[in-house]
PDB file of N, CA and C in Angstrom:
ATOM      1  N   MET A   1      45.427 109.142  77.749  1.00  0.00           N
ATOM      2  CA  MET A   1      46.156 109.796  76.918  1.00  0.00           C
ATOM      3  C   MET A   1      45.465 111.675  76.832  1.00  0.00           C
ATOM      4  N   GLU A   2      45.382 111.767  78.121  1.00  0.00           N
ATOM      5  CA  GLU A   2      45.129 113.085  78.360  1.00  0.00           C
ATOM      6  C   GLU A   2      46.349 114.032  78.399  1.00  0.00           C
ATOM      7  N   GLN A   3      45.894 115.195  77.508  1.00  0.00           N
ATOM      8  CA  GLN A   3      47.238 116.183  78.065  1.00  0.00           C
ATOM      9  C   GLN A   3      47.006 117.106  79.096  1.00  0.00           C
ATOM     10  N   ASP A   4      48.048 118.157  79.411  1.00  0.00           N
ATOM     11  CA  ASP A   4      47.824 119.235  80.316  1.00  0.00           C
ATOM     12  C   ASP A   4      46.650 119.463  80.713  1.00  0.00           C
ATOM     13  N   GLY A   5      46.037 119.886  81.607  1.00  0.00           N
ATOM     14  CA  GLY A   5      44.685 120.500  81.729  1.00  0.00           C
ATOM     15  C   GLY A   5      43.677 119.423  81.596  1.00  0.00           C
ATOM     16  N   GLY A   6      43.913 117.899  81.053  1.00  0.00           N
ATOM     17  CA  GLY A   6      42.519 117.044  80.839  1.00  0.00           C
ATOM     18  C   GLY A   6      41.582 117.628  79.567  1.00  0.00           C
ATOM     19  N   ASP A   7      41.891 118.540  79.034  1.00  0.00           N
ATOM     20  CA  ASP A   7      41.015 118.689  77.666  1.00  0.00           C
ATOM     21  C   ASP A   7      41.355 117.741  76.717  1.00  0.00           C
ATOM     22  N   GLY A   8      42.376 116.680  76.480  1.00  0.00           N
ATOM     23  CA  GLY A   8      42.847 115.562  75.522  1.00  0.00           C
ATOM     24  C   GLY A   8      43.639 116.912  74.238  1.00  0.00           C
ATOM     25  N   ALA A   9      44.127 115.841  73.260  1.00  0.00           N
ATOM     26  CA  ALA A   9      44.751 116.648  72.326  1.00  0.00           C
ATOM     27  C   ALA A   9      44.096 117.636  71.248  1.00  0.00           C
ATOM     28  N   ARG A  10      44.578 118.550  71.233  1.00  0.00           N
ATOM     29  CA  ARG A  10      44.235 119.726  70.052  1.00  0.00           C
ATOM     30  C   ARG A  10      44.836 119.555  68.831  1.00  0.00           C
ATOM     31  N   VAL A  11      43.976 120.011  67.724  1.00  0.00           N
ATOM     32  CA  VAL A  11      44.851 120.588  66.473  1.00  0.00           C
ATOM     33  C   VAL A  11      44.140 121.612  65.808  1.00  0.00           C
ATOM     34  N   LEU A  12      44.931 122.736  66.044  1.00  0.00           N
ATOM     35  CA  LEU A  12      44.090 124.299  65.671  1.00  0.00           C
ATOM     36  C   LEU A  12      42.953 124.611  66.923  1.00  0.00           C
ATOM     37  N   GLY A  13      43.389 124.070  68.011  1.00  0.00           N
ATOM     38  CA  GLY A  13      42.331 124.676  69.052  1.00  0.00           C
ATOM     39  C   GLY A  13      41.118 123.454  68.959  1.00  0.00           C
ATOM     40  N   ILE A  14      41.018 122.627  67.914  1.00  0.00           N
ATOM     41  CA  ILE A  14      39.863 122.202  67.896  1.00  0.00           C
ATOM     42  C   ILE A  14      39.870 120.539  68.299  1.00  0.00           C
ATOM     43  N   GLY A  15      39.338 119.730  68.454  1.00  0.00           N
ATOM     44  CA  GLY A  15      39.889 118.593  69.262  1.00  0.00           C
ATOM     45  C   GLY A  15      39.986 117.496  67.719  1.00  0.00           C
ATOM     46  N   VAL A  16      40.201 116.087  67.887  1.00  0.00           N
ATOM     47  CA  VAL A  16      41.354 115.649  66.784  1.00  0.00           C
ATOM     48  C   VAL A  16      40.255 114.637  65.835  1.00  0.00           C
ATOM     49  N   GLY A  17      39.097 114.647  66.373  1.00  0.00           N
ATOM     50  CA  GLY A  17      38.301 113.972  65.757  1.00  0.00           C
ATOM     51  C   GLY A  17      37.437 115.024  64.993  1.00  0.00           C
ATOM     52  N   LEU A  18      36.950 115.991  65.810  1.00  0.00           N
ATOM     53  CA  LEU A  18      36.600 116.978  64.492  1.00  0.00           C
ATOM     54  C   LEU A  18      37.642 117.421  63.575  1.00  0.00           C
ATOM     55  N   PHE A  19      38.875 117.827  64.094  1.00  0.00           N
ATOM     56  CA  PHE A  19      39.734 118.159  63.096  1.00  0.00           C
ATOM     57  C   PHE A  19      39.905 116.922  61.555  1.00  0.00           C
ATOM     58  N   LEU A  20      39.421 116.092  61.611  1.00  0.00           N
ATOM     59  CA  LEU A  20      39.834 114.423  60.676  1.00  0.00           C
ATOM     60  C   LEU A  20      38.229 115.040  60.243  1.00  0.00           C
ATOM     61  N   LEU A  21      36.851 114.833  60.784  1.00  0.00           N
ATOM     62  CA  LEU A  21      36.277 115.402  60.475  1.00  0.00           C
ATOM     63  C   LEU A  21      35.837 116.335  58.950  1.00  0.00           C
ATOM     64  N   ILE A  22      36.694 117.470  59.529  1.00  0.00           N
ATOM     65  CA  ILE A  22      36.530 118.519  58.794  1.00  0.00           C
ATOM     66  C   ILE A  22      37.176 118.282  57.438  1.00  0.00           C
ATOM     67  N   LEU A  23      38.695 117.519  57.844  1.00  0.00           N
ATOM     68  CA  LEU A  23      39.658 116.860  56.748  1.00  0.00           C
ATOM     69  C   LEU A  23      38.689 115.952  55.320  1.00  0.00           C
ATOM     70  N   ILE A  24      38.103 115.019  56.112  1.00  0.00           N
ATOM     71  CA  ILE A  24      37.670 114.191  55.433  1.00  0.00           C
ATOM     72  C   ILE A  24      36.613 115.387  54.370  1.00  0.00           C
ATOM     73  N   TRP A  25      35.761 115.923  55.223  1.00  0.00           N
ATOM     74  CA  TRP A  25      34.657 116.674  54.194  1.00  0.00           C
ATOM     75  C   TRP A  25      35.282 117.759  53.136  1.00  0.00           C
ATOM     76  N   SER A  26      36.115 118.302  53.531  1.00  0.00           N
ATOM     77  CA  SER A  26      36.590 119.231  53.017  1.00  0.00           C
ATOM     78  C   SER A  26      37.886 118.393  51.478  1.00  0.00           C
ATOM     79  N   CYS A  27      38.272 117.813  51.571  1.00  0.00           N
ATOM     80  CA  CYS A  27      38.749 116.524  50.598  1.00  0.00           C
ATOM     81  C   CYS A  27      37.305 116.087  49.788  1.00  0.00           C
ATOM     82  N   THR A  28      36.521 116.056  50.206  1.00  0.00           N
ATOM     83  CA  THR A  28      35.577 115.256  49.957  1.00  0.00           C
ATOM     84  C   THR A  28      34.972 116.180  48.553  1.00  0.00           C
ATOM     85  N   VAL A  29      34.727 117.434  49.466  1.00  0.00           N
ATOM     86  CA  VAL A  29      34.215 118.661  48.342  1.00  0.00           C
ATOM     87  C   VAL A  29      35.490 118.983  47.219  1.00  0.00           C
ATOM     88  N   ALA A  30      36.428 118.916  47.704  1.00  0.00           N
ATOM     89  CA  ALA A  30      37.617 119.320  46.534  1.00  0.00           C
ATOM     90  C   ALA A  30      37.248 118.188  45.705  1.00  0.00           C
ATOM     91  N   GLY A  31      37.157 117.084  45.711  1.00  0.00           N
ATOM     92  CA  GLY A  31      37.344 116.003  45.062  1.00  0.00           C
ATOM     93  C   GLY A  31      35.910 116.164  43.940  1.00  0.00           C
ATOM     94  N   LEU A  32      34.745 116.891  44.831  1.00  0.00           N
ATOM     95  CA  LEU A  32      33.362 116.692  43.941  1.00  0.00           C
ATOM     96  C   LEU A  32      33.613 118.007  42.845  1.00  0.00           C
ATOM     97  N   VAL A  33      34.768 119.042  43.162  1.00  0.00           N
ATOM     98  CA  VAL A  33      34.783 120.201  42.484  1.00  0.00           C
ATOM     99  C   VAL A  33      35.596 119.485  41.264  1.00  0.00           C
ATOM    100  N   LEU A  34      36.649 118.406  41.539  1.00  0.00           N
ATOM    101  CA  LEU A  34      37.750 117.946  40.579  1.00  0.00           C
ATOM    102  C   LEU A  34      36.881 117.147  39.489  1.00  0.00           C
ATOM    103  N   VAL A  35      35.684 116.281  39.880  1.00  0.00           N
ATOM    104  CA  VAL A  35      35.013 115.452  39.067  1.00  0.00           C
ATOM    105  C   VAL A  35      34.069 115.908  38.651  1.00  0.00           C
ATOM    106  N   SER A  36      33.472 117.254  38.929  1.00  0.00           N
ATOM    107  CA  SER A  36      31.684 117.959  38.546  1.00  0.00           C
ATOM    108  C   SER A  36      31.950 117.457  36.997  1.00  0.00           C
ATOM    109  N   ARG A  37      32.947 117.809  36.213  1.00  0.00           N
ATOM    110  CA  ARG A  37      32.376 117.709  34.884  1.00  0.00           C
ATOM    111  C   ARG A  37      32.242 116.677  34.020  1.00  0.00           C
ATOM    112  N   SER A  38      32.913 115.689  35.091  1.00  0.00           N
ATOM    113  CA  SER A  38      32.913 114.131  34.020  1.00  0.00           C
ATOM    114  C   SER A  38      31.779 113.791  34.675  1.00  0.00           C
ATOM    115  N   GLY A  39      31.112 113.016  33.589  1.00  0.00           N
ATOM    116  CA  GLY A  39      30.115 112.378  33.953  1.00  0.00           C
ATOM    117  C   GLY A  39      29.838 110.868  34.606  1.00  0.00           C
ATOM    118  N   SER A  40      31.321 110.794  35.124  1.00  0.00           N
ATOM    119  CA  SER A  40      31.219 109.323  35.910  1.00  0.00           C
ATOM    120  C   SER A  40      30.145 109.087  37.192  1.00  0.00           C
ATOM    121  N   ALA A  41      30.489 108.352  37.888  1.00  0.00           N
ATOM    122  CA  ALA A  41      29.484 107.950  39.460  1.00  0.00           C
ATOM    123  C   ALA A  41      30.927 108.117  40.299  1.00  0.00           C
ATOM    124  N   LEU A  42      31.938 108.844  39.933  1.00  0.00           N
ATOM    125  CA  LEU A  42      32.948 108.845  41.204  1.00  0.00           C
ATOM    126  C   LEU A  42      32.216 110.073  42.007  1.00  0.00           C
ATOM    127  N   SER A  43      31.664 110.855  41.885  1.00  0.00           N
ATOM    128  CA  SER A  43      31.115 111.684  43.008  1.00  0.00           C
ATOM    129  C   SER A  43      30.121 110.657  43.673  1.00  0.00           C
ATOM    130  N   SER A  44      29.348 110.103  43.225  1.00  0.00           N
ATOM    131  CA  SER A  44      29.083 109.353  44.511  1.00  0.00           C
ATOM    132  C   SER A  44      29.376 108.496  45.025  1.00  0.00           C
ATOM    133  N   VAL A  45      30.748 107.788  44.597  1.00  0.00           N
ATOM    134  CA  VAL A  45      31.429 107.001  45.454  1.00  0.00           C
ATOM    135  C   VAL A  45      32.323 108.113  46.730  1.00  0.00           C
ATOM    136  N   LEU A  46      32.564 109.264  46.449  1.00  0.00           N
ATOM    137  CA  LEU A  46      33.148 109.978  47.362  1.00  0.00           C
ATOM    138  C   LEU A  46      32.384 110.555  47.985  1.00  0.00           C
ATOM    139  N   ILE A  47      30.854 110.887  47.654  1.00  0.00           N
ATOM    140  CA  ILE A  47      30.116 110.748  48.995  1.00  0.00           C
ATOM    141  C   ILE A  47      30.133 109.759  49.575  1.00  0.00           C
ATOM    142  N   VAL A  48      29.845 108.621  49.478  1.00  0.00           N
ATOM    143  CA  VAL A  48      29.602 107.116  50.078  1.00  0.00           C
ATOM    144  C   VAL A  48      30.964 106.995  51.055  1.00  0.00           C
ATOM    145  N   LEU A  49      31.868 107.490  50.371  1.00  0.00           N
ATOM    146  CA  LEU A  49      33.161 106.754  50.807  1.00  0.00           C
ATOM    147  C   LEU A  49      33.229 107.947  52.282  1.00  0.00           C
ATOM    148  N   ALA A  50      33.107 109.159  51.991  1.00  0.00           N
ATOM    149  CA  ALA A  50      33.276 110.004  53.323  1.00  0.00           C
ATOM    150  C   ALA A  50      32.071 109.661  54.083  1.00  0.00           C
ATOM    151  N   SER A  51      30.882 109.682  53.926  1.00  0.00           N
ATOM    152  CA  SER A  51      29.790 109.224  54.691  1.00  0.00           C
ATOM    153  C   SER A  51      30.404 107.538  55.486  1.00  0.00           C
ATOM    154  N   ILE A  52      30.801 106.643  54.848  1.00  0.00           N
ATOM    155  CA  ILE A  52      31.006 105.593  55.663  1.00  0.00           C
ATOM    156  C   ILE A  52      32.234 105.908  56.992  1.00  0.00           C
ATOM    157  N   LEU A  53      33.638 106.629  56.173  1.00  0.00           N
ATOM    158  CA  LEU A  53      34.483 107.134  57.299  1.00  0.00           C
ATOM    159  C   LEU A  53      33.754 108.076  58.259  1.00  0.00           C
ATOM    160  N   THR A  54      33.062 108.878  57.775  1.00  0.00           N
ATOM    161  CA  THR A  54      31.887 109.752  59.228  1.00  0.00           C
ATOM    162  C   THR A  54      31.301 108.534  60.381  1.00  0.00           C
ATOM    163  N   VAL A  55      30.548 107.674  59.599  1.00  0.00           N
ATOM    164  CA  VAL A  55      30.254 107.049  60.827  1.00  0.00           C
ATOM    165  C   VAL A  55      30.892 106.299  61.454  1.00  0.00           C
ATOM    166  N   VAL A  56      32.100 105.498  60.850  1.00  0.00           N
ATOM    167  CA  VAL A  56      32.935 104.951  61.430  1.00  0.00           C
ATOM    168  C   VAL A  56      33.496 105.780  62.510  1.00  0.00           C
ATOM    169  N   LEU A  57      34.090 107.061  62.413  1.00  0.00           N
ATOM    170  CA  LEU A  57      34.626 107.753  63.226  1.00  0.00           C
ATOM    171  C   LEU A  57      33.703 108.031  64.522  1.00  0.00           C
ATOM    172  N   LEU A  58      32.482 108.367  63.981  1.00  0.00           N
ATOM    173  CA  LEU A  58      31.224 108.640  65.185  1.00  0.00           C
ATOM    174  C   LEU A  58      30.793 107.569  65.996  1.00  0.00           C
ATOM    175  N   ALA A  59      31.415 106.413  65.494  1.00  0.00           N
ATOM    176  CA  ALA A  59      31.109 105.190  66.264  1.00  0.00           C
ATOM    177  C   ALA A  59      32.061 104.488  67.243  1.00  0.00           C
ATOM    178  N   VAL A  60      33.365 104.969  66.608  1.00  0.00           N
ATOM    179  CA  VAL A  60      34.443 104.496  67.410  1.00  0.00           C
ATOM    180  C   VAL A  60      34.747 105.503  68.926  1.00  0.00           C
ATOM    181  N   PRO A  61      34.647 104.876  69.773  1.00  0.00           N
ATOM    182  CA  PRO A  61      34.287 106.074  71.263  1.00  0.00           C
ATOM    183  C   PRO A  61      35.790 106.498  71.484  1.00  0.00           C
ATOM    184  N   ARG A  62      35.885 107.405  71.789  1.00  0.00           N
ATOM    185  CA  ARG A  62      36.759 108.171  72.135  1.00  0.00           C
ATOM    186  C   ARG A  62      37.801 108.047  73.563  1.00  0.00           C
ATOM    187  N   GLU A  63      37.325 107.643  74.617  1.00  0.00           N
ATOM    188  CA  GLU A  63      37.587 107.265  75.898  1.00  0.00           C
ATOM    189  C   GLU A  63      37.415 105.857  75.872  1.00  0.00           C
ATOM    190  N   GLU A  64      37.635 105.297  77.147  1.00  0.00           N
ATOM    191  CA  GLU A  64      37.144 103.983  77.779  1.00  0.00           C
ATOM    192  C   GLU A  64      35.661 104.718  78.267  1.00  0.00           C
ATOM    193  N   ILE A  65      34.684 103.587  78.607  1.00  0.00           N
ATOM    194  CA  ILE A  65      33.455 103.861  79.074  1.00  0.00           C
ATOM    195  C   ILE A  65      33.157 103.380  80.615  1.00  0.00           C
ATOM    196  N   LEU A  66      33.029 104.263  81.411  1.00  0.00           N
ATOM    197  CA  LEU A  66      33.402 104.375  82.539  1.00  0.00           C
ATOM    198  C   LEU A  66      31.760 103.377  83.520  1.00  0.00           C
ATOM    199  N   THR A  67      32.124 102.936  84.417  1.00  0.00           N
ATOM    200  CA  THR A  67      30.713 102.166  84.950  1.00  0.00           C
ATOM    201  C   THR A  67      30.460 103.323  85.691  1.00  0.00           C
ATOM    202  N   GLY A  68      29.185 103.160  86.679  1.00  0.00           N
ATOM    203  CA  GLY A  68      28.589 104.430  87.839  1.00  0.00           C
ATOM    204  C   GLY A  68      29.409 104.558  88.775  1.00  0.00           C
ATOM    205  N   LYS A  69      30.087 103.226  88.943  1.00  0.00           N
ATOM    206  CA  LYS A  69      30.922 103.413  90.083  1.00  0.00           C
ATOM    207  C   LYS A  69      32.606 104.467  90.149  1.00  0.00           C
ATOM    208  N   ASP A  70      32.632 104.246  88.940  1.00  0.00           N
ATOM    209  CA  ASP A  70      33.940 104.912  88.639  1.00  0.00           C
ATOM    210  C   ASP A  70      33.759 106.619  88.983  1.00  0.00           C
ATOM    211  N   ILE A  71      32.906 107.052  88.146  1.00  0.00           N
ATOM    212  CA  ILE A  71      32.444 108.273  88.019  1.00  0.00           C
ATOM    213  C   ILE A  71      32.484 109.301  89.323  1.00  0.00           C
ATOM    214  N   LYS A  72      33.410 110.204  89.223  1.00  0.00           N
ATOM    215  CA  LYS A  72      33.836 111.363  90.097  1.00  0.00           C
ATOM    216  C   LYS A  72      33.352 112.599  90.116  1.00  0.00           C
ATOM    217  N   THR A  73      32.352 113.074  90.739  1.00  0.00           N
ATOM    218  CA  THR A  73      31.807 114.128  90.534  1.00  0.00           C
ATOM    219  C   THR A  73      32.691 115.243  90.808  1.00  0.00           C
ATOM    220  N   PRO A  74      33.441 116.189  90.212  1.00  0.00           N
ATOM    221  CA  PRO A  74      34.175 116.776  90.459  1.00  0.00           C
ATOM    222  C   PRO A  74      33.333 118.584  90.550  1.00  0.00           C
ATOM    223  N   GLU A  75      34.046 119.514  91.486  1.00  0.00           N
ATOM    224  CA  GLU A  75      33.045 120.990  91.781  1.00  0.00           C
ATOM    225  C   GLU A  75      33.270 121.378  90.016  1.00  0.00           C
ATOM    226  N   VAL A  76      31.822 122.130  89.857  1.00  0.00           N
ATOM    227  CA  VAL A  76      32.163 122.326  88.339  1.00  0.00           C
ATOM    228  C   VAL A  76      31.789 123.751  88.672  1.00  0.00           C
ATOM    229  N   GLU A  77      32.616 124.628  88.006  1.00  0.00           N
ATOM    230  CA  GLU A  77      32.359 126.228  87.849  1.00  0.00           C
ATOM    231  C   GLU A  77      31.104 126.438  86.640  1.00  0.00           C
ATOM    232  N   LYS A  78      30.559 126.988  86.886  1.00  0.00           N
ATOM    233  CA  LYS A  78      29.508 127.929  85.619  1.00  0.00           C
ATOM    234  C   LYS A  78      30.521 128.644  85.084  1.00  0.00           C
ATOM    235  N   ILE A  79      30.364 128.301  83.626  1.00  0.00           N
ATOM    236  CA  ILE A  79      31.154 129.528  82.798  1.00  0.00           C
ATOM    237  C   ILE A  79      30.086 130.167  81.930  1.00  0.00           C
ATOM    238  N   ILE A  80      29.888 131.531  81.939  1.00  0.00           N
ATOM    239  CA  ILE A  80      28.496 131.960  80.798  1.00  0.00           C
ATOM    240  C   ILE A  80      29.336 132.888  79.837  1.00  0.00           C
ATOM    241  N   ASP A  81      29.087 132.646  78.815  1.00  0.00           N
ATOM    242  CA  ASP A  81      28.966 133.064  77.607  1.00  0.00           C
ATOM    243  C   ASP A  81      28.382 134.405  77.304  1.00  0.00           C
ATOM    244  N   GLY A  82      29.002 135.928  77.824  1.00  0.00           N
ATOM    245  CA  GLY A  82      28.011 136.523  77.580  1.00  0.00           C
ATOM    246  C   GLY A  82      27.758 137.287  75.997  1.00  0.00           C
ATOM    247  N   MET A  83      28.359 136.644  74.826  1.00  0.00           N
ATOM    248  CA  MET A  83      28.726 136.917  73.526  1.00  0.00           C
ATOM    249  C   MET A  83      28.089 135.766  72.952  1.00  0.00           C
ATOM    250  N   PHE A  84      27.288 134.748  73.628  1.00  0.00           N
ATOM    251  CA  PHE A  84      26.458 133.724  72.904  1.00  0.00           C
ATOM    252  C   PHE A  84      25.077 134.133  71.708  1.00  0.00           C
ATOM    253  N   VAL A  85      24.548 135.280  72.277  1.00  0.00           N
ATOM    254  CA  VAL A  85      23.320 135.738  71.200  1.00  0.00           C
ATOM    255  C   VAL A  85      24.329 136.381  69.981  1.00  0.00           C
ATOM    256  N   TRP A  86      24.889 137.121  70.276  1.00  0.00           N
ATOM    257  CA  TRP A  86      25.496 137.765  69.059  1.00  0.00           C
ATOM    258  C   TRP A  86      26.184 136.702  68.277  1.00  0.00           C
ATOM    259  N   ARG A  87      27.221 135.659  68.573  1.00  0.00           N
ATOM    260  CA  ARG A  87      27.177 134.722  67.946  1.00  0.00           C
ATOM    261  C   ARG A  87      26.591 133.753  66.876  1.00  0.00           C
ATOM    262  N   ILE A  88      25.558 133.672  67.551  1.00  0.00           N
ATOM    263  CA  ILE A  88      24.519 132.557  67.397  1.00  0.00           C
ATOM    264  C   ILE A  88      24.186 133.771  65.770  1.00  0.00           C
ATOM    265  N   LEU A  89      23.711 135.227  66.208  1.00  0.00           N
ATOM    266  CA  LEU A  89      22.995 135.944  65.501  1.00  0.00           C
ATOM    267  C   LEU A  89      24.305 136.146  64.155  1.00  0.00           C
ATOM    268  N   LEU A  90      25.469 136.310  63.989  1.00  0.00           N
ATOM    269  CA  LEU A  90      26.519 136.088  62.899  1.00  0.00           C
ATOM    270  C   LEU A  90      26.366 135.042  62.550  1.00  0.00           C
ATOM    271  N   LEU A  91      26.324 133.571  63.207  1.00  0.00           N
ATOM    272  CA  LEU A  91      26.407 132.400  62.399  1.00  0.00           C
ATOM    273  C   LEU A  91      25.119 132.311  61.528  1.00  0.00           C
ATOM    274  N   VAL A  92      23.701 132.937  62.039  1.00  0.00           N
ATOM    275  CA  VAL A  92      22.305 132.627  61.325  1.00  0.00           C
ATOM    276  C   VAL A  92      22.613 133.915  59.729  1.00  0.00           C
ATOM    277  N   LEU A  93      23.354 135.022  59.938  1.00  0.00           N
ATOM    278  CA  LEU A  93      23.734 135.709  59.046  1.00  0.00           C
ATOM    279  C   LEU A  93      24.487 135.372  57.922  1.00  0.00           C
ATOM    280  N   LEU A  94      25.431 134.917  58.127  1.00  0.00           N
ATOM    281  CA  LEU A  94      26.498 134.315  57.533  1.00  0.00           C
ATOM    282  C   LEU A  94      25.938 133.057  56.511  1.00  0.00           C
ATOM    283  N   SER A  95      25.156 132.160  57.386  1.00  0.00           N
ATOM    284  CA  SER A  95      24.279 130.839  56.904  1.00  0.00           C
ATOM    285  C   SER A  95      23.359 131.433  55.437  1.00  0.00           C
ATOM    286  N   VAL A  96      22.662 132.702  56.184  1.00  0.00           N
ATOM    287  CA  VAL A  96      21.871 133.107  55.244  1.00  0.00           C
ATOM    288  C   VAL A  96      22.627 133.627  53.919  1.00  0.00           C
ATOM    289  N   SER A  97      23.557 134.320  54.137  1.00  0.00           N
ATOM    290  CA  SER A  97      24.407 134.907  52.777  1.00  0.00           C
ATOM    291  C   SER A  97      25.221 133.941  51.905  1.00  0.00           C
ATOM    292  N   VAL A  98      25.387 132.667  52.653  1.00  0.00           N
ATOM    293  CA  VAL A  98      26.081 131.664  52.060  1.00  0.00           C
ATOM    294  C   VAL A  98      24.650 131.165  50.935  1.00  0.00           C
ATOM    295  N   LEU A  99      23.731 130.699  51.389  1.00  0.00           N
ATOM    296  CA  LEU A  99      23.237 130.254  50.874  1.00  0.00           C
ATOM    297  C   LEU A  99      22.348 131.319  49.706  1.00  0.00           C
ATOM    298  N   ALA A 100      22.088 132.708  49.913  1.00  0.00           N
ATOM    299  CA  ALA A 100      21.772 133.764  49.077  1.00  0.00           C
ATOM    300  C   ALA A 100      23.124 133.800  47.874  1.00  0.00           C
ATOM    301  N   GLY A 101      24.128 133.783  48.488  1.00  0.00           N
ATOM    302  CA  GLY A 101      25.408 133.334  47.289  1.00  0.00           C
ATOM    303  C   GLY A 101      25.241 132.620  46.391  1.00  0.00           C
ATOM    304  N   GLY A 102      25.184 131.045  46.916  1.00  0.00           N
ATOM    305  CA  GLY A 102      25.405 130.188  45.812  1.00  0.00           C
ATOM    306  C   GLY A 102      24.036 130.255  45.471  1.00  0.00           C
ATOM    307  N   THR A 103      22.884 130.345  45.727  1.00  0.00           N
ATOM    308  CA  THR A 103      21.664 130.357  44.789  1.00  0.00           C
ATOM    309  C   THR A 103      21.842 131.215  43.553  1.00  0.00           C
ATOM    310  N   LEU A 104      22.427 132.758  43.826  1.00  0.00           N
ATOM    311  CA  LEU A 104      22.547 133.350  42.842  1.00  0.00           C
ATOM    312  C   LEU A 104      23.317 133.188  41.873  1.00  0.00           C
ATOM    313  N   THR A 105      24.473 132.327  42.608  1.00  0.00           N
ATOM    314  CA  THR A 105      25.697 131.835  41.422  1.00  0.00           C
ATOM    315  C   THR A 105      24.848 130.736  40.630  1.00  0.00           C
ATOM    316  N   LEU A 106      24.041 129.754  41.606  1.00  0.00           N
ATOM    317  CA  LEU A 106      23.624 129.028  40.540  1.00  0.00           C
ATOM    318  C   LEU A 106      22.550 129.365  39.375  1.00  0.00           C
ATOM    319  N   LEU A 107      21.867 130.463  39.416  1.00  0.00           N
ATOM    320  CA  LEU A 107      21.098 130.711  39.026  1.00  0.00           C
ATOM    321  C   LEU A 107      21.697 131.576  37.661  1.00  0.00           C
ATOM    322  N   ASP A 108      22.802 132.613  38.251  1.00  0.00           N
ATOM    323  CA  ASP A 108      23.491 133.290  36.969  1.00  0.00           C
ATOM    324  C   ASP A 108      24.108 132.386  36.224  1.00  0.00           C
ATOM    325  N   TYR A 109      24.497 130.557  36.873  1.00  0.00           N
ATOM    326  CA  TYR A 109      25.116 129.724  35.674  1.00  0.00           C
ATOM    327  C   TYR A 109      24.298 129.283  34.907  1.00  0.00           C
ATOM    328  N   GLY A 110      22.998 129.122  35.495  1.00  0.00           N
ATOM    329  CA  GLY A 110      21.749 128.377  34.705  1.00  0.00           C
ATOM    330  C   GLY A 110      21.123 129.402  33.751  1.00  0.00           C
ATOM    331  N   LEU A 111      21.399 130.838  33.936  1.00  0.00           N
ATOM    332  CA  LEU A 111      20.502 131.389  33.102  1.00  0.00           C
ATOM    333  C   LEU A 111      21.554 131.963  31.677  1.00  0.00           C
ATOM    334  N   HIS A 112      22.584 131.611  32.095  1.00  0.00           N
ATOM    335  CA  HIS A 112      23.606 132.257  30.992  1.00  0.00           C
ATOM    336  C   HIS A 112      24.660 131.160  30.321  1.00  0.00           C
ATOM    337  N   PRO A 113      23.737 130.228  29.454  1.00  0.00           N
ATOM    338  CA  PRO A 113      24.334 128.757  29.124  1.00  0.00           C
ATOM    339  C   PRO A 113      25.214 128.725  27.968  1.00  0.00           C
ATOM    340  N   VAL A 114      26.339 128.516  28.188  1.00  0.00           N
ATOM    341  CA  VAL A 114      27.566 128.421  27.071  1.00  0.00           C
ATOM    342  C   VAL A 114      27.439 127.969  25.974  1.00  0.00           C
ATOM    343  N   GLN A 115      27.108 128.615  24.769  1.00  0.00           N
ATOM    344  CA  GLN A 115      26.915 128.480  23.598  1.00  0.00           C
ATOM    345  C   GLN A 115      28.072 128.668  22.370  1.00  0.00           C
ATOM    346  N   PRO A 116      28.123 127.822  21.807  1.00  0.00           N
ATOM    347  CA  PRO A 116      29.118 127.661  20.813  1.00  0.00           C
ATOM    348  C   PRO A 116      28.818 128.829  19.538  1.00  0.00           C
ATOM    349  N   THR A 117      29.961 129.552  18.988  1.00  0.00           N
ATOM    350  CA  THR A 117      29.435 130.157  18.022  1.00  0.00           C
ATOM    351  C   THR A 117      30.472 130.060  16.743  1.00  0.00           C
ATOM    352  N   THR A 118      30.104 130.522  15.567  1.00  0.00           N
ATOM    353  CA  THR A 118      31.246 129.790  14.338  1.00  0.00           C
ATOM    354  C   THR A 118      32.059 131.131  13.921  1.00  0.00           C
ATOM    355  N   LEU A 119      33.378 130.815  13.851  1.00  0.00           N
ATOM    356  CA  LEU A 119      34.233 131.443  13.454  1.00  0.00           C
ATOM    357  C   LEU A 119      33.986 132.327  12.129  1.00  0.00           C
ATOM    358  N   LYS A 120      34.224 133.400  11.960  1.00  0.00           N
ATOM    359  CA  LYS A 120      34.001 133.307  10.067  1.00  0.00           C
ATOM    360  C   LYS A 120      35.599 132.898   9.979  1.00  0.00           C
ATOM    361  N   LYS A 121      35.744 132.726   8.588  1.00  0.00           N
ATOM    362  CA  LYS A 121      37.087 132.506   8.069  1.00  0.00           C
ATOM    363  C   LYS A 121      37.857 133.653   7.401  1.00  0.00           C
ATOM    364  N   LEU A 122      39.146 133.984   7.787  1.00  0.00           N
ATOM    365  CA  LEU A 122      39.779 135.039   7.694  1.00  0.00           C
ATOM    366  C   LEU A 122      40.490 134.803   6.037  1.00  0.00           C
ATOM    367  N   LYS A 123      40.776 136.100   5.185  1.00  0.00           N
ATOM    368  CA  LYS A 123      41.358 135.596   4.443  1.00  0.00           C
ATOM    369  C   LYS A 123      42.435 135.766   4.234  1.00  0.00           C
ATOM    370  N   THR A 124      43.302 134.978   3.852  1.00  0.00           N
ATOM    371  CA  THR A 124      44.470 135.078   3.528  1.00  0.00           C
ATOM    372  C   THR A 124      45.281 135.685   2.605  1.00  0.00           C
ATOM    373  N   ILE A 125      46.498 136.270   2.834  1.00  0.00           N
ATOM    374  CA  ILE A 125      47.272 137.304   1.633  1.00  0.00           C
ATOM    375  C   ILE A 125      47.931 136.499   1.355  1.00  0.00           C
ATOM    376  N   GLN A 126      48.165 136.443  -0.376  1.00  0.00           N
ATOM    377  CA  GLN A 126      49.406 135.597  -0.521  1.00  0.00           C
ATOM    378  C   GLN A 126      49.767 136.544  -1.758  1.00  0.00           C
TER     379      GLN A 126
END
C-alpha cells in the first residue's frame, strides 16, 4: 500500500493517521464549544469517545510486522535540519503565547460576570 517514493499516502503533507487524529480532536473541540453552555454530560461523552477512537487508531498497526529476516537495511543518508533550534524556539514562544492568552481570556471572563439589569418602564403617549 505504498505510494511513489515509499512514503505512504499523504493528506495535506501529513500521514493519514495523524490527519485522522487531528480531525477527531478538532471535531471534539468544536463539539465541546457547542455544548459548553448546556449543563449536560455530553461534553464528557465527547471526550471519552474521542479518547477511545484515539486509542483504537494508535493500537491498529499501520503496516505488516516484519520479522528479523525480512528486514533489509538500506544505505541511509543523513539529513541535517539547520533550522531545528529556531523551529523549537518558535514552538515554545507560540505555546507560551497560547497559554498566556487563554489565561488572560479566562481571567477577563471570570472577573466580569454578566449581571441582569432592570429596565425602567417608558411612559406611553396616549
